[in-house]
Amino acid sequence: MIEKMPHLLSIQVGLPKQLGVEGAFNPRQRSWSTGFFKEPIEGSVWLGQTNLEGDGQADLKHHGGPEKAVLAYAAKHYSYWQNTFNRSDLAYGAFGENFTIAEITEASICIGDTYKIGEAYIQVSQPRQPCWKLSRRWQIHDLALQVQKTGKTGWYFRVLKEGYVERSLPLVLLYRPFPQWTVARANAIMHHQLDDREAAAQLAACPFLASNWQQTLSRRATTGINPDPNSRLFEIKSIGF
């Protein structure tokens, strides 16, 4: 059986917005800032070292930068989420991704995979770790947790060579240095195999893994300490969501 080449079904960009009403009685209506809302674009768009032209993030401490230049999501997952929540409005870009990609998932893409797309060269740096803003965007309280539990997280690319990209282009695999480290396996080690310090140490040693993941996993391997995910997944509880 011949595998189909992954390709871009859609490209989305968007700049940060301030939403809601300051001091609103209903917590779900209170003020918040986010770059989550991405709109599809057509034609060539410049992919730079830290993002696509026209794209931005509200929380630069946790989002954006060279190791998170492009957020990618598997097109295959959309039918699952649409059926799970009976939501036809979950269209490409609904998970805040820049690239919606066909013919590939977390189980078939690996840390360090290097692709050519258009003029650009991109490399998988880390799985995406969803945060509470995903839940608030869709008013589904535990959506971020469900994304993490299912492993349908998406992943980030770093940019090795800048250039123009556009929808429908293929992702041509140039280099796969660590076929054992799929994004799915990295997710499992980070979020589900919390007591496996040996696996944490092995993944942390992958030189193509983003530094923040290396640091977290190295600390776990050395001390057995795991970060509390609630601050990321359920921070919005603090305002009564």
C-alpha atoms as a PDB file:
ATOM      1  CA  MET A   1       0.000   0.000   0.000  1.00  0.00           C
ATOM      2  CA  ILE A   2       1.404   3.380  -1.023  1.00  0.00           C
ATOM      3  CA  GLU A   3       1.214   6.018   1.704  1.00  0.00           C
ATOM      4  CA  LYS A   4      -0.265   9.326   0.669  1.00  0.00           C
ATOM      5  CA  MET A   5       1.960  12.361   1.096  1.00  0.00           C
ATOM      6  CA  PRO A   6       0.847  14.785   3.806  1.00  0.00           C
ATOM      7  CA  HIS A   7      -0.306  18.140   2.509  1.00  0.00           C
ATOM      8  CA  LEU A   8      -1.758  21.397   3.766  1.00  0.00           C
ATOM      9  CA  LEU A   9      -5.530  21.490   3.623  1.00  0.00           C
ATOM     10  CA  SER A  10      -5.782  24.924   5.196  1.00  0.00           C
ATOM     11  CA  ILE A  11      -3.651  27.754   6.621  1.00  0.00           C
ATOM     12  CA  GLN A  12      -4.967  29.997   9.393  1.00  0.00           C
ATOM     13  CA  VAL A  13      -3.597  33.191  10.956  1.00  0.00           C
ATOM     14  CA  GLY A  14      -4.903  35.711  13.445  1.00  0.00           C
ATOM     15  CA  LEU A  15      -3.727  38.510  15.731  1.00  0.00           C
ATOM     16  CA  PRO A  16      -4.488  38.720  19.465  1.00  0.00           C
ATOM     17  CA  LYS A  17      -7.879  40.050  20.516  1.00  0.00           C
ATOM     18  CA  GLN A  18      -9.278  41.419  23.764  1.00  0.00           C
ATOM     19  CA  LEU A  19     -12.671  39.831  24.314  1.00  0.00           C
ATOM     20  CA  GLY A  20     -15.394  39.947  26.923  1.00  0.00           C
ATOM     21  CA  VAL A  21     -16.396  42.659  29.358  1.00  0.00           C
ATOM     22  CA  GLU A  22     -14.219  43.777  32.267  1.00  0.00           C
ATOM     23  CA  GLY A  23     -15.918  42.935  35.552  1.00  0.00           C
ATOM     24  CA  ALA A  24     -18.869  41.142  33.958  1.00  0.00           C
ATOM     25  CA  PHE A  25     -21.071  39.275  36.450  1.00  0.00           C
ATOM     26  CA  ASN A  26     -21.043  36.095  34.341  1.00  0.00           C
ATOM     27  CA  PRO A  27     -17.503  34.669  34.524  1.00  0.00           C
ATOM     28  CA  ARG A  28     -17.811  33.346  30.970  1.00  0.00           C
ATOM     29  CA  GLN A  29     -18.286  36.898  29.730  1.00  0.00           C
ATOM     30  CA  ARG A  30     -15.345  38.485  31.548  1.00  0.00           C
ATOM     31  CA  SER A  31     -12.412  40.067  29.788  1.00  0.00           C
ATOM     32  CA  TRP A  32      -9.667  37.858  28.348  1.00  0.00           C
ATOM     33  CA  SER A  33      -7.004  38.185  25.672  1.00  0.00           C
ATOM     34  CA  THR A  34      -6.208  35.506  23.122  1.00  0.00           C
ATOM     35  CA  GLY A  35      -4.642  34.857  19.759  1.00  0.00           C
ATOM     36  CA  PHE A  36      -6.717  31.714  19.426  1.00  0.00           C
ATOM     37  CA  PHE A  37      -9.060  32.984  16.731  1.00  0.00           C
ATOM     38  CA  LYS A  38      -7.472  32.093  13.398  1.00  0.00           C
ATOM     39  CA  GLU A  39      -8.981  32.705   9.975  1.00  0.00           C
ATOM     40  CA  PRO A  40      -8.176  30.771   6.780  1.00  0.00           C
ATOM     41  CA  ILE A  41      -6.112  32.577   4.166  1.00  0.00           C
ATOM     42  CA  GLU A  42      -5.490  31.933   0.488  1.00  0.00           C
ATOM     43  CA  GLY A  43      -2.396  32.500  -1.593  1.00  0.00           C
ATOM     44  CA  SER A  44       1.236  32.651  -0.547  1.00  0.00           C
ATOM     45  CA  VAL A  45       2.089  33.706   2.995  1.00  0.00           C
ATOM     46  CA  TRP A  46       5.529  34.359   4.462  1.00  0.00           C
ATOM     47  CA  LEU A  47       6.701  31.895   7.111  1.00  0.00           C
ATOM     48  CA  GLY A  48       9.339  33.504   9.316  1.00  0.00           C
ATOM     49  CA  GLN A  49      11.419  32.262  12.218  1.00  0.00           C
ATOM     50  CA  THR A  50       8.720  32.853  14.832  1.00  0.00           C
ATOM     51  CA  ASN A  51       5.391  32.849  12.993  1.00  0.00           C
ATOM     52  CA  LEU A  52       3.427  33.247   9.794  1.00  0.00           C
ATOM     53  CA  GLU A  53       2.887  36.771   8.517  1.00  0.00           C
ATOM     54  CA  GLY A  54      -0.326  38.092  10.039  1.00  0.00           C
ATOM     55  CA  ASP A  55      -0.231  35.736  13.005  1.00  0.00           C
ATOM     56  CA  GLY A  56       0.412  36.476  16.670  1.00  0.00           C
ATOM     57  CA  GLN A  57      -0.038  35.263  20.240  1.00  0.00           C
ATOM     58  CA  ALA A  58      -1.442  37.028  23.295  1.00  0.00           C
ATOM     59  CA  ASP A  59       0.592  35.117  25.903  1.00  0.00           C
ATOM     60  CA  LEU A  60       4.175  35.191  24.687  1.00  0.00           C
ATOM     61  CA  LYS A  61       5.388  33.455  27.855  1.00  0.00           C
ATOM     62  CA  HIS A  62       3.652  30.215  26.900  1.00  0.00           C
ATOM     63  CA  HIS A  63       3.004  30.580  23.170  1.00  0.00           C
ATOM     64  CA  GLY A  64       4.944  31.587  20.101  1.00  0.00           C
ATOM     65  CA  GLY A  65       8.678  31.945  19.642  1.00  0.00           C
ATOM     66  CA  PRO A  66      11.129  29.895  17.574  1.00  0.00           C
ATOM     67  CA  GLU A  67      10.176  26.532  19.128  1.00  0.00           C
ATOM     68  CA  LYS A  68       6.453  27.184  18.546  1.00  0.00           C
ATOM     69  CA  ALA A  69       6.543  29.039  15.259  1.00  0.00           C
ATOM     70  CA  VAL A  70       3.728  27.017  13.678  1.00  0.00           C
ATOM     71  CA  LEU A  71       0.976  25.015  15.347  1.00  0.00           C
ATOM     72  CA  ALA A  72      -0.182  22.057  13.248  1.00  0.00           C
ATOM     73  CA  TYR A  73      -3.248  19.869  13.651  1.00  0.00           C
ATOM     74  CA  ALA A  74      -4.348  16.667  11.962  1.00  0.00           C
ATOM     75  CA  ALA A  75      -7.371  17.119   9.712  1.00  0.00           C
ATOM     76  CA  LYS A  76      -8.380  13.538  10.536  1.00  0.00           C
ATOM     77  CA  HIS A  77      -9.316  14.520  14.098  1.00  0.00           C
ATOM     78  CA  TYR A  78     -12.078  16.902  13.097  1.00  0.00           C
ATOM     79  CA  SER A  79     -14.705  14.226  12.477  1.00  0.00           C
ATOM     80  CA  TYR A  80     -14.023  12.814  15.955  1.00  0.00           C
ATOM     81  CA  TRP A  81     -14.582  16.138  17.700  1.00  0.00           C
ATOM     82  CA  GLN A  82     -17.589  17.064  15.556  1.00  0.00           C
ATOM     83  CA  ASN A  83     -19.244  13.746  16.431  1.00  0.00           C
ATOM     84  CA  THR A  84     -18.230  13.872  20.100  1.00  0.00           C
ATOM     85  CA  PHE A  85     -19.772  17.289  20.694  1.00  0.00           C
ATOM     86  CA  ASN A  86     -22.316  17.331  17.858  1.00  0.00           C
ATOM     87  CA  ARG A  87     -20.708  20.572  16.682  1.00  0.00           C
ATOM     88  CA  SER A  88     -20.612  21.245  12.970  1.00  0.00           C
ATOM     89  CA  ASP A  89     -18.972  24.613  13.656  1.00  0.00           C
ATOM     90  CA  LEU A  90     -15.704  22.897  14.583  1.00  0.00           C
ATOM     91  CA  ALA A  91     -14.060  23.667  11.248  1.00  0.00           C
ATOM     92  CA  TYR A  92     -10.386  23.848  10.260  1.00  0.00           C
ATOM     93  CA  GLY A  93      -8.634  26.250  12.600  1.00  0.00           C
ATOM     94  CA  ALA A  94     -11.017  25.459  15.468  1.00  0.00           C
ATOM     95  CA  PHE A  95      -8.141  24.197  17.599  1.00  0.00           C
ATOM     96  CA  GLY A  96      -6.120  27.349  17.051  1.00  0.00           C
ATOM     97  CA  GLU A  97      -3.801  25.743  14.528  1.00  0.00           C
ATOM     98  CA  ASN A  98      -1.959  27.497  11.715  1.00  0.00           C
ATOM     99  CA  PHE A  99      -1.576  24.384   9.561  1.00  0.00           C
ATOM    100  CA  THR A 100      -4.361  21.834   9.133  1.00  0.00           C
ATOM    101  CA  ILE A 101      -2.636  18.804   7.614  1.00  0.00           C
ATOM    102  CA  ALA A 102      -4.023  15.771   5.815  1.00  0.00           C
ATOM    103  CA  GLU A 103      -2.618  12.226   5.857  1.00  0.00           C
ATOM    104  CA  ILE A 104      -0.680  12.532   9.101  1.00  0.00           C
ATOM    105  CA  THR A 105      -1.364  12.343  12.853  1.00  0.00           C
ATOM    106  CA  GLU A 106       0.556  12.326  16.127  1.00  0.00           C
ATOM    107  CA  ALA A 107       1.110   8.584  15.622  1.00  0.00           C
ATOM    108  CA  SER A 108       2.903   9.045  12.316  1.00  0.00           C
ATOM    109  CA  ILE A 109       5.008  12.163  12.822  1.00  0.00           C
ATOM    110  CA  CYS A 110       8.146  12.266  14.933  1.00  0.00           C
ATOM    111  CA  ILE A 111      10.191  14.729  16.942  1.00  0.00           C
ATOM    112  CA  GLY A 112      12.909  16.066  14.652  1.00  0.00           C
ATOM    113  CA  ASP A 113      11.082  15.256  11.416  1.00  0.00           C
ATOM    114  CA  THR A 114      12.204  17.836   8.872  1.00  0.00           C
ATOM    115  CA  TYR A 115       9.957  18.797   5.984  1.00  0.00           C
ATOM    116  CA  LYS A 116      10.129  21.019   2.946  1.00  0.00           C
ATOM    117  CA  ILE A 117       6.951  22.941   2.241  1.00  0.00           C
ATOM    118  CA  GLY A 118       7.044  25.511  -0.507  1.00  0.00           C
ATOM    119  CA  GLU A 119      10.197  27.558   0.028  1.00  0.00           C
ATOM    120  CA  ALA A 120      10.409  26.785   3.729  1.00  0.00           C
ATOM    121  CA  TYR A 121      12.010  24.028   5.793  1.00  0.00           C
ATOM    122  CA  ILE A 122      10.275  23.137   9.055  1.00  0.00           C
ATOM    123  CA  GLN A 123      11.036  20.676  11.856  1.00  0.00           C
ATOM    124  CA  VAL A 124       8.843  19.074  14.537  1.00  0.00           C
ATOM    125  CA  SER A 125       9.882  20.472  17.917  1.00  0.00           C
ATOM    126  CA  GLN A 126       7.280  19.275  20.455  1.00  0.00           C
ATOM    127  CA  PRO A 127       3.687  18.176  20.973  1.00  0.00           C
ATOM    128  CA  ARG A 128       1.161  20.893  21.673  1.00  0.00           C
ATOM    129  CA  GLN A 129       0.051  21.159  25.303  1.00  0.00           C
ATOM    130  CA  PRO A 130      -3.507  22.534  25.262  1.00  0.00           C
ATOM    131  CA  CYS A 131      -4.545  25.237  27.710  1.00  0.00           C
ATOM    132  CA  TRP A 132      -7.807  26.498  29.189  1.00  0.00           C
ATOM    133  CA  LYS A 133      -8.332  29.064  26.429  1.00  0.00           C
ATOM    134  CA  LEU A 134      -9.291  26.231  24.087  1.00  0.00           C
ATOM    135  CA  SER A 135     -12.092  25.298  26.498  1.00  0.00           C
ATOM    136  CA  ARG A 136     -13.266  28.870  26.868  1.00  0.00           C
ATOM    137  CA  ARG A 137     -13.245  29.487  23.129  1.00  0.00           C
ATOM    138  CA  TRP A 138     -15.778  26.689  22.601  1.00  0.00           C
ATOM    139  CA  GLN A 139     -17.518  26.900  25.989  1.00  0.00           C
ATOM    140  CA  ILE A 140     -16.708  23.239  26.646  1.00  0.00           C
ATOM    141  CA  HIS A 141     -15.405  23.094  30.195  1.00  0.00           C
ATOM    142  CA  ASP A 142     -13.056  20.108  29.882  1.00  0.00           C
ATOM    143  CA  LEU A 143     -12.131  20.349  26.202  1.00  0.00           C
ATOM    144  CA  ALA A 144      -8.436  20.998  26.901  1.00  0.00           C
ATOM    145  CA  LEU A 145      -8.352  17.969  29.196  1.00  0.00           C
ATOM    146  CA  GLN A 146     -10.070  15.792  26.593  1.00  0.00           C
ATOM    147  CA  VAL A 147      -7.590  16.903  23.935  1.00  0.00           C
ATOM    148  CA  GLN A 148      -4.724  15.931  26.219  1.00  0.00           C
ATOM    149  CA  LYS A 149      -6.271  12.602  27.290  1.00  0.00           C
ATOM    150  CA  THR A 150      -7.011  11.495  23.722  1.00  0.00           C
ATOM    151  CA  GLY A 151      -3.577  12.526  22.456  1.00  0.00           C
ATOM    152  CA  LYS A 152      -5.216  14.520  19.660  1.00  0.00           C
ATOM    153  CA  THR A 153      -3.107  17.495  20.610  1.00  0.00           C
ATOM    154  CA  GLY A 154      -1.391  18.679  17.472  1.00  0.00           C
ATOM    155  CA  TRP A 155       2.287  19.630  17.420  1.00  0.00           C
ATOM    156  CA  TYR A 156       4.633  22.523  16.802  1.00  0.00           C
ATOM    157  CA  PHE A 157       7.157  23.183  14.066  1.00  0.00           C
ATOM    158  CA  ARG A 158      10.294  25.282  14.307  1.00  0.00           C
ATOM    159  CA  VAL A 159      11.413  27.021  11.110  1.00  0.00           C
ATOM    160  CA  LEU A 160      14.827  26.074   9.757  1.00  0.00           C
ATOM    161  CA  LYS A 161      14.514  28.085   6.563  1.00  0.00           C
ATOM    162  CA  GLU A 162      12.087  30.926   6.002  1.00  0.00           C
ATOM    163  CA  GLY A 163      10.010  31.165   2.857  1.00  0.00           C
ATOM    164  CA  TYR A 164       6.601  31.398   1.259  1.00  0.00           C
ATOM    165  CA  VAL A 165       4.029  28.650   1.802  1.00  0.00           C
ATOM    166  CA  GLU A 166       0.451  28.189   0.670  1.00  0.00           C
ATOM    167  CA  ARG A 167      -2.532  25.891   0.993  1.00  0.00           C
ATOM    168  CA  SER A 168      -2.483  22.531  -0.844  1.00  0.00           C
ATOM    169  CA  LEU A 169       1.314  22.238  -0.865  1.00  0.00           C
ATOM    170  CA  PRO A 170       2.797  18.845   0.078  1.00  0.00           C
ATOM    171  CA  LEU A 171       5.007  18.334   3.106  1.00  0.00           C
ATOM    172  CA  VAL A 172       8.041  16.536   1.741  1.00  0.00           C
ATOM    173  CA  LEU A 173       9.890  14.559   4.419  1.00  0.00           C
ATOM    174  CA  LEU A 174      13.619  15.205   4.178  1.00  0.00           C
ATOM    175  CA  TYR A 175      14.973  13.786   7.425  1.00  0.00           C
ATOM    176  CA  ARG A 176      13.685  11.523  10.215  1.00  0.00           C
ATOM    177  CA  PRO A 177      16.450  11.179  12.819  1.00  0.00           C
ATOM    178  CA  PHE A 178      14.314   9.671  15.606  1.00  0.00           C
ATOM    179  CA  PRO A 179      11.564   7.410  14.258  1.00  0.00           C
ATOM    180  CA  GLN A 180      11.079   5.992  17.764  1.00  0.00           C
ATOM    181  CA  TRP A 181       9.930   9.351  19.124  1.00  0.00           C
ATOM    182  CA  THR A 182       6.529   9.881  17.602  1.00  0.00           C
ATOM    183  CA  VAL A 183       4.523  12.822  18.895  1.00  0.00           C
ATOM    184  CA  ALA A 184       2.034  10.271  20.245  1.00  0.00           C
ATOM    185  CA  ARG A 185       4.740   8.540  22.281  1.00  0.00           C
ATOM    186  CA  ALA A 186       6.072  11.845  23.571  1.00  0.00           C
ATOM    187  CA  ASN A 187       2.552  12.773  24.679  1.00  0.00           C
ATOM    188  CA  ALA A 188       2.153   9.439  26.451  1.00  0.00           C
ATOM    189  CA  ILE A 189       5.401   9.857  28.379  1.00  0.00           C
ATOM    190  CA  MET A 190       4.677  13.450  29.363  1.00  0.00           C
ATOM    191  CA  HIS A 191       1.029  13.032  30.374  1.00  0.00           C
ATOM    192  CA  HIS A 192       0.318   9.366  31.118  1.00  0.00           C
ATOM    193  CA  GLN A 193       3.540   7.579  32.126  1.00  0.00           C
ATOM    194  CA  LEU A 194       4.209   9.896  35.027  1.00  0.00           C
ATOM    195  CA  ASP A 195       6.108   7.331  37.095  1.00  0.00           C
ATOM    196  CA  ASP A 196       8.383   6.117  34.284  1.00  0.00           C
ATOM    197  CA  ARG A 197      11.508   8.111  35.054  1.00  0.00           C
ATOM    198  CA  GLU A 198      13.618   6.068  32.643  1.00  0.00           C
ATOM    199  CA  ALA A 199      11.340   6.909  29.712  1.00  0.00           C
ATOM    200  CA  ALA A 200      11.391  10.558  30.750  1.00  0.00           C
ATOM    201  CA  ALA A 201      15.190  10.565  30.729  1.00  0.00           C
ATOM    202  CA  GLN A 202      15.342   8.892  27.329  1.00  0.00           C
ATOM    203  CA  LEU A 203      12.952  11.359  25.726  1.00  0.00           C
ATOM    204  CA  ALA A 204      14.688  14.313  27.379  1.00  0.00           C
ATOM    205  CA  ALA A 205      17.921  13.210  25.688  1.00  0.00           C
ATOM    206  CA  CYS A 206      16.426  13.703  22.215  1.00  0.00           C
ATOM    207  CA  PRO A 207      18.384  16.696  20.864  1.00  0.00           C
ATOM    208  CA  PHE A 208      15.552  17.839  18.579  1.00  0.00           C
ATOM    209  CA  LEU A 209      13.002  18.065  21.404  1.00  0.00           C
ATOM    210  CA  ALA A 210      12.195  21.628  22.488  1.00  0.00           C
ATOM    211  CA  SER A 211      14.192  22.817  25.496  1.00  0.00           C
ATOM    212  CA  ASN A 212      11.157  23.350  27.752  1.00  0.00           C
ATOM    213  CA  TRP A 213      10.166  19.703  27.296  1.00  0.00           C
ATOM    214  CA  GLN A 214      13.743  18.580  27.891  1.00  0.00           C
ATOM    215  CA  GLN A 215      13.883  20.535  31.146  1.00  0.00           C
ATOM    216  CA  THR A 216      10.555  19.232  32.452  1.00  0.00           C
ATOM    217  CA  LEU A 217      11.385  15.620  31.632  1.00  0.00           C
ATOM    218  CA  SER A 218      14.938  15.861  32.972  1.00  0.00           C
ATOM    219  CA  ARG A 219      13.590  17.222  36.264  1.00  0.00           C
ATOM    220  CA  ARG A 220      11.103  14.357  36.447  1.00  0.00           C
ATOM    221  CA  ALA A 221      13.807  11.792  35.698  1.00  0.00           C
ATOM    222  CA  THR A 222      16.057  13.221  38.405  1.00  0.00           C
ATOM    223  CA  THR A 223      13.562  14.089  41.134  1.00  0.00           C
ATOM    224  CA  GLY A 224      10.326  12.313  40.257  1.00  0.00           C
ATOM    225  CA  ILE A 225       8.530  15.663  40.473  1.00  0.00           C
ATOM    226  CA  ASN A 226       5.799  16.350  37.921  1.00  0.00           C
ATOM    227  CA  PRO A 227       4.288  19.770  37.223  1.00  0.00           C
ATOM    228  CA  ASP A 228       0.644  20.307  38.144  1.00  0.00           C
ATOM    229  CA  PRO A 229      -1.313  20.452  34.848  1.00  0.00           C
ATOM    230  CA  ASN A 230      -4.310  22.186  36.423  1.00  0.00           C
ATOM    231  CA  SER A 231      -2.791  25.642  36.024  1.00  0.00           C
ATOM    232  CA  ARG A 232      -2.758  25.062  32.273  1.00  0.00           C
ATOM    233  CA  LEU A 233      -5.868  22.958  31.722  1.00  0.00           C
ATOM    234  CA  PHE A 234      -8.241  24.449  34.309  1.00  0.00           C
ATOM    235  CA  GLU A 235      -6.939  27.893  35.139  1.00  0.00           C
ATOM    236  CA  ILE A 236     -10.299  29.263  34.123  1.00  0.00           C
ATOM    237  CA  LYS A 237     -11.825  27.622  37.211  1.00  0.00           C
ATOM    238  CA  SER A 238     -10.379  30.553  39.097  1.00  0.00           C
ATOM    239  CA  ILE A 239     -13.014  32.800  37.492  1.00  0.00           C
ATOM    240  CA  GLY A 240     -15.793  30.288  37.960  1.00  0.00           C
ATOM    241  CA  PHE A 241     -15.967  28.812  34.461  1.00  0.00           C
END
